[in-house]
């Protein structure tokens, strides 16, 4: 087990973080690591508000670059998702320095845009996993403790259980990956097990996204696809009559991509960590 303090910077590239949420997570970290090994710095930008966003694009970009390039920090933990990280990709990736390459970056949902772009450009150790805001969910302390266990101790119990030694992997929200493909920020996922999850979408939208994803030439080079949880699926009228498993398995079969079964990821407190690569 690591005995050295791990300094974690929290930044919000999309939506605003409630200060009370941050306080609760800081308390959990202090309780979980009374020896002070989990040292969390919440950037003031997390509390800004500019309509939908935690500050305007320039403020969010500046805060992310500051935290990513800070040589005193070991990791960047994203505050929450929502929408907005894709709006700052062009502004931040060229400004990242050598200090960013050694950092762990942890988040999911909308943060997939940044994780994918970072992974493509060789910056840091990107990982799909719980964020600060997950403490708001029922039982959310478990997700926060899992994230801290990975960031501080690299605890293997925090990892998605199907991960295999020597097998590359990556994980994304379905909608986010679909938007990223075809842009200069999409990572090379050749020979990766690709894990996908979704939340609050109708089945026809999930189906349409899988059409786009599985017909992309880059995705047809993956080692296979695993499906995480698709939660809070909005109703169709008329009913779509096919489950998310049937949809993913069908599009995989059409594309010649192995469908490998389920993955323990999703927009919930059971969301496990999937390091990219």
Protein backbone atom coordinates (compact mmCIF):
# COMPACT_ATOMS: atom_id res chain seq x y z
CA UNK A 1 0.00 0.00 0.00
CA UNK A 2 1.20 3.48 -0.88
CA UNK A 3 2.34 5.41 2.21
CA UNK A 4 3.04 8.74 0.51
CA UNK A 5 0.41 11.49 0.41
CA UNK A 6 -1.46 11.71 -2.88
CA UNK A 7 -2.40 15.25 -3.82
CA UNK A 8 -5.63 15.39 -5.81
CA UNK A 9 -6.89 18.44 -7.67
CA UNK A 10 -10.63 18.74 -8.30
CA UNK A 11 -11.82 20.74 -11.29
CA UNK A 12 -15.19 21.13 -13.07
CA UNK A 13 -14.91 21.27 -16.88
CA UNK A 14 -18.69 21.07 -17.31
CA UNK A 15 -21.27 21.90 -14.62
CA UNK A 16 -20.98 23.58 -11.23
CA UNK A 17 -20.19 21.69 -8.03
CA UNK A 18 -22.28 22.37 -4.92
CA UNK A 19 -19.92 23.48 -2.12
CA UNK A 20 -21.82 21.24 0.33
CA UNK A 21 -21.03 18.24 -1.88
CA UNK A 22 -17.35 19.14 -1.82
CA UNK A 23 -17.41 19.45 1.96
CA UNK A 24 -18.96 16.00 2.32
CA UNK A 25 -16.32 14.42 0.07
CA UNK A 26 -13.51 16.14 1.97
CA UNK A 27 -14.95 14.71 5.19
CA UNK A 28 -15.08 11.21 3.68
CA UNK A 29 -11.46 11.51 2.56
CA UNK A 30 -10.37 12.62 6.04
CA UNK A 31 -12.25 9.71 7.60
CA UNK A 32 -10.94 7.15 5.10
CA UNK A 33 -7.35 8.40 5.33
CA UNK A 34 -6.80 9.80 8.83
CA UNK A 35 -3.06 9.66 8.11
CA UNK A 36 -3.57 12.43 5.56
CA UNK A 37 -2.60 10.39 2.50
CA UNK A 38 -5.59 11.72 0.54
CA UNK A 39 -5.01 15.45 0.15
CA UNK A 40 -7.74 17.08 -1.92
CA UNK A 41 -7.61 20.59 -3.35
CA UNK A 42 -10.90 21.81 -4.82
CA UNK A 43 -10.24 24.54 -7.38
CA UNK A 44 -12.41 27.65 -6.80
CA UNK A 45 -13.58 27.43 -10.41
CA UNK A 46 -15.78 24.46 -9.40
CA UNK A 47 -18.14 26.93 -7.70
CA UNK A 48 -18.48 29.40 -10.56
CA UNK A 49 -21.77 29.70 -12.41
CA UNK A 50 -22.35 30.82 -15.98
CA UNK A 51 -25.74 29.53 -17.08
CA UNK A 52 -25.40 25.78 -17.56
CA UNK A 53 -21.66 25.81 -16.87
CA UNK A 54 -19.19 26.13 -14.00
CA UNK A 55 -17.89 29.37 -15.41
CA UNK A 56 -17.52 30.31 -19.05
CA UNK A 57 -15.38 28.28 -21.46
CA UNK A 58 -12.28 30.37 -20.79
CA UNK A 59 -12.57 29.98 -17.02
CA UNK A 60 -13.14 26.24 -17.20
CA UNK A 61 -10.26 25.79 -19.63
CA UNK A 62 -7.88 27.87 -17.52
CA UNK A 63 -8.73 25.96 -14.35
CA UNK A 64 -8.26 22.58 -16.00
CA UNK A 65 -4.90 23.57 -17.49
CA UNK A 66 -3.76 24.99 -14.16
CA UNK A 67 -4.60 21.81 -12.26
CA UNK A 68 -3.30 19.46 -14.96
CA UNK A 69 0.03 21.29 -15.23
CA UNK A 70 0.56 21.73 -11.49
CA UNK A 71 3.68 19.65 -10.66
CA UNK A 72 2.68 19.43 -6.99
CA UNK A 73 -0.49 17.47 -7.79
CA UNK A 74 -0.59 13.73 -8.50
CA UNK A 75 -4.10 13.39 -9.88
CA UNK A 76 -7.03 15.28 -11.37
CA UNK A 77 -10.43 14.19 -10.11
CA UNK A 78 -13.34 15.59 -12.05
CA UNK A 79 -16.06 17.21 -9.96
CA UNK A 80 -19.08 16.20 -12.01
CA UNK A 81 -20.42 15.69 -15.51
CA UNK A 82 -23.39 17.32 -17.19
CA UNK A 83 -22.23 18.94 -20.41
CA UNK A 84 -19.37 21.19 -21.39
CA UNK A 85 -16.02 19.43 -21.51
CA UNK A 86 -16.03 19.09 -25.32
CA UNK A 87 -16.26 22.88 -25.58
CA UNK A 88 -12.77 23.34 -24.10
CA UNK A 89 -10.83 20.53 -25.82
CA UNK A 90 -9.26 22.74 -28.48
CA UNK A 91 -8.24 25.25 -25.84
CA UNK A 92 -6.66 22.89 -23.33
CA UNK A 93 -4.90 20.02 -25.11
CA UNK A 94 -2.18 22.17 -26.76
CA UNK A 95 -1.47 23.92 -23.43
CA UNK A 96 -0.75 20.79 -21.41
CA UNK A 97 2.83 20.41 -20.23
CA UNK A 98 5.06 17.54 -19.15
CA UNK A 99 3.66 17.55 -15.60
CA UNK A 100 0.27 16.50 -16.99
CA UNK A 101 1.68 13.32 -18.51
CA UNK A 102 2.32 11.67 -15.16
CA UNK A 103 -1.08 12.45 -13.65
CA UNK A 104 -4.11 10.22 -13.16
CA UNK A 105 -7.35 11.69 -14.52
CA UNK A 106 -10.56 10.18 -13.14
CA UNK A 107 -14.16 10.74 -14.17
CA UNK A 108 -16.92 9.54 -16.48
CA UNK A 109 -20.04 10.68 -18.35
CA UNK A 110 -19.33 14.05 -20.04
CA UNK A 111 -15.71 13.79 -18.88
CA UNK A 112 -15.27 11.07 -21.49
CA UNK A 113 -14.51 13.85 -23.99
CA UNK A 114 -11.48 14.92 -21.97
CA UNK A 115 -10.45 11.36 -21.06
CA UNK A 116 -10.52 10.34 -24.72
CA UNK A 117 -8.58 13.40 -25.86
CA UNK A 118 -6.00 12.96 -23.09
CA UNK A 119 -5.56 9.29 -23.93
CA UNK A 120 -5.17 10.03 -27.63
CA UNK A 121 -2.43 12.57 -26.90
CA UNK A 122 -0.50 10.54 -24.34
CA UNK A 123 -1.31 12.75 -21.36
CA UNK A 124 -1.66 11.05 -18.02
CA UNK A 125 -3.38 7.90 -16.95
CA UNK A 126 -7.00 8.36 -17.94
CA UNK A 127 -9.58 6.28 -16.09
CA UNK A 128 -13.37 5.99 -16.21
CA UNK A 129 -14.71 5.98 -12.66
CA UNK A 130 -16.67 7.78 -9.93
CA UNK A 131 -16.60 11.55 -9.55
CA UNK A 132 -16.95 13.89 -6.58
CA UNK A 133 -20.64 14.54 -7.28
CA UNK A 134 -21.52 10.85 -6.93
CA UNK A 135 -21.71 11.37 -3.18
CA UNK A 136 -25.17 12.87 -3.83
CA UNK A 137 -26.55 9.50 -4.92
CA UNK A 138 -28.18 7.14 -2.43
CA UNK A 139 -25.26 5.13 -1.09
CA UNK A 140 -22.87 7.45 -2.91
CA UNK A 141 -20.22 7.30 -0.21
CA UNK A 142 -19.27 3.87 -1.57
CA UNK A 143 -18.52 5.36 -4.98
CA UNK A 144 -16.40 8.11 -3.46
CA UNK A 145 -14.45 5.63 -1.36
CA UNK A 146 -13.88 3.47 -4.45
CA UNK A 147 -12.51 6.45 -6.35
CA UNK A 148 -10.21 7.38 -3.48
CA UNK A 149 -9.05 3.78 -3.11
CA UNK A 150 -7.97 3.86 -6.76
CA UNK A 151 -6.43 7.33 -6.70
CA UNK A 152 -4.52 6.83 -3.45
CA UNK A 153 -3.76 3.09 -3.27
CA UNK A 154 -4.43 1.70 -6.77
CA UNK A 155 -6.67 -0.78 -4.95
CA UNK A 156 -7.50 -3.61 -7.40
CA UNK A 157 -10.88 -4.05 -5.70
CA UNK A 158 -11.91 -0.74 -7.27
CA UNK A 159 -11.46 -2.08 -10.80
CA UNK A 160 -14.13 -3.38 -13.16
CA UNK A 161 -13.97 -7.15 -12.56
CA UNK A 162 -13.73 -8.29 -16.19
CA UNK A 163 -10.45 -6.42 -16.76
CA UNK A 164 -7.72 -8.91 -17.66
CA UNK A 165 -3.94 -8.52 -17.38
CA UNK A 166 -2.43 -7.58 -20.71
CA UNK A 167 -5.78 -6.67 -22.28
CA UNK A 168 -6.22 -3.02 -23.15
CA UNK A 169 -9.55 -1.42 -22.24
CA UNK A 170 -11.45 1.86 -22.30
CA UNK A 171 -14.90 2.96 -21.15
CA UNK A 172 -17.28 5.66 -22.33
CA UNK A 173 -20.81 6.93 -22.14
CA UNK A 174 -22.45 5.92 -25.43
CA UNK A 175 -23.57 9.43 -26.39
CA UNK A 176 -20.20 10.97 -25.56
CA UNK A 177 -18.22 8.42 -27.57
CA UNK A 178 -20.54 8.87 -30.53
CA UNK A 179 -19.93 12.61 -30.46
CA UNK A 180 -16.16 12.16 -30.13
CA UNK A 181 -15.71 9.78 -33.06
CA UNK A 182 -14.55 11.46 -36.25
CA UNK A 183 -13.04 14.42 -34.39
CA UNK A 184 -9.31 15.10 -33.84
CA UNK A 185 -9.79 14.10 -30.20
CA UNK A 186 -10.99 10.51 -30.62
CA UNK A 187 -8.51 7.98 -29.23
CA UNK A 188 -7.17 4.93 -31.05
CA UNK A 189 -9.04 1.99 -29.49
CA UNK A 190 -7.52 -0.73 -31.65
CA UNK A 191 -7.44 -4.04 -29.74
CA UNK A 192 -9.17 -2.50 -26.70
CA UNK A 193 -12.15 -3.98 -24.92
CA UNK A 194 -14.59 -1.09 -25.21
CA UNK A 195 -17.07 -0.72 -22.34
CA UNK A 196 -20.15 1.42 -22.89
CA UNK A 197 -22.89 2.77 -20.60
CA UNK A 198 -25.77 5.20 -20.89
CA UNK A 199 -28.30 7.16 -18.83
CA UNK A 200 -31.59 8.99 -19.47
CA UNK A 201 -31.88 8.20 -23.17
CA UNK A 202 -34.71 6.57 -25.10
CA UNK A 203 -34.00 3.19 -26.66
CA UNK A 204 -34.23 4.52 -30.19
CA UNK A 205 -31.50 7.04 -29.36
CA UNK A 206 -29.31 4.30 -27.92
CA UNK A 207 -29.96 2.26 -31.07
CA UNK A 208 -29.05 5.20 -33.31
CA UNK A 209 -25.86 5.87 -31.36
CA UNK A 210 -24.82 2.23 -31.66
CA UNK A 211 -25.42 2.40 -35.42
CA UNK A 212 -22.96 5.29 -35.59
CA UNK A 213 -20.40 3.80 -33.20
CA UNK A 214 -20.27 0.29 -34.65
CA UNK A 215 -20.15 1.54 -38.25
CA UNK A 216 -17.10 3.68 -37.55
CA UNK A 217 -13.99 2.08 -39.04
CA UNK A 218 -11.93 2.82 -35.94
CA UNK A 219 -14.37 0.99 -33.68
CA UNK A 220 -14.34 -2.07 -35.90
CA UNK A 221 -10.74 -2.57 -34.76
CA UNK A 222 -11.65 -3.03 -31.07
CA UNK A 223 -11.20 -6.42 -29.41
CA UNK A 224 -14.85 -6.41 -28.42
CA UNK A 225 -17.60 -4.45 -26.69
CA UNK A 226 -19.01 -4.89 -23.19
CA UNK A 227 -22.22 -3.21 -22.13
CA UNK A 228 -22.48 -1.47 -18.80
CA UNK A 229 -25.73 -0.36 -17.27
CA UNK A 230 -28.22 1.74 -19.23
CA UNK A 231 -30.24 3.41 -16.49
CA UNK A 232 -33.29 5.65 -16.36
CA UNK A 233 -34.23 4.77 -19.93
CA UNK A 234 -36.97 7.14 -21.05
CA UNK A 235 -40.13 5.50 -22.44
CA UNK A 236 -40.77 5.19 -26.16
CA UNK A 237 -44.25 5.58 -27.65
CA UNK A 238 -44.77 3.05 -29.11
CA UNK A 239 -42.53 0.78 -27.08
CA UNK A 240 -39.19 0.08 -28.76
CA UNK A 241 -39.59 -3.64 -27.93
CA UNK A 242 -35.83 -4.33 -27.78
CA UNK A 243 -33.59 -4.13 -24.72
CA UNK A 244 -30.24 -2.41 -24.59
CA UNK A 245 -28.51 -5.81 -24.60
CA UNK A 246 -30.38 -6.85 -27.74
CA UNK A 247 -29.53 -3.55 -29.42
CA UNK A 248 -25.79 -3.72 -28.65
CA UNK A 249 -25.52 -7.41 -29.51
CA UNK A 250 -27.32 -6.82 -32.82
CA UNK A 251 -25.13 -3.92 -33.93
CA UNK A 252 -21.99 -5.82 -32.87
CA UNK A 253 -23.08 -8.80 -34.96
CA UNK A 254 -23.72 -6.61 -37.99
CA UNK A 255 -20.29 -4.99 -37.63
CA UNK A 256 -18.37 -8.18 -36.90
CA UNK A 257 -17.38 -6.90 -33.44
CA UNK A 258 -17.37 -9.50 -30.64
CA UNK A 259 -20.03 -8.80 -28.02
CA UNK A 260 -18.42 -9.80 -24.74
CA UNK A 261 -21.28 -9.43 -22.27
CA UNK A 262 -21.87 -7.00 -19.44
CA UNK A 263 -19.56 -4.56 -17.66
CA UNK A 264 -19.84 -3.23 -14.10
CA UNK A 265 -20.00 0.46 -15.02
CA UNK A 266 -22.79 3.01 -15.17
CA UNK A 267 -24.30 6.19 -13.79
CA UNK A 268 -24.71 4.75 -10.32
CA UNK A 269 -22.88 4.02 -7.08
CA UNK A 270 -21.63 0.66 -8.40
CA UNK A 271 -19.61 2.31 -11.17
CA UNK A 272 -16.20 0.58 -11.18
CA UNK A 273 -12.89 2.00 -12.36
CA UNK A 274 -11.66 1.27 -15.90
CA UNK A 275 -8.13 2.58 -16.59
CA UNK A 276 -7.56 3.35 -20.26
CA UNK A 277 -4.90 1.20 -21.89
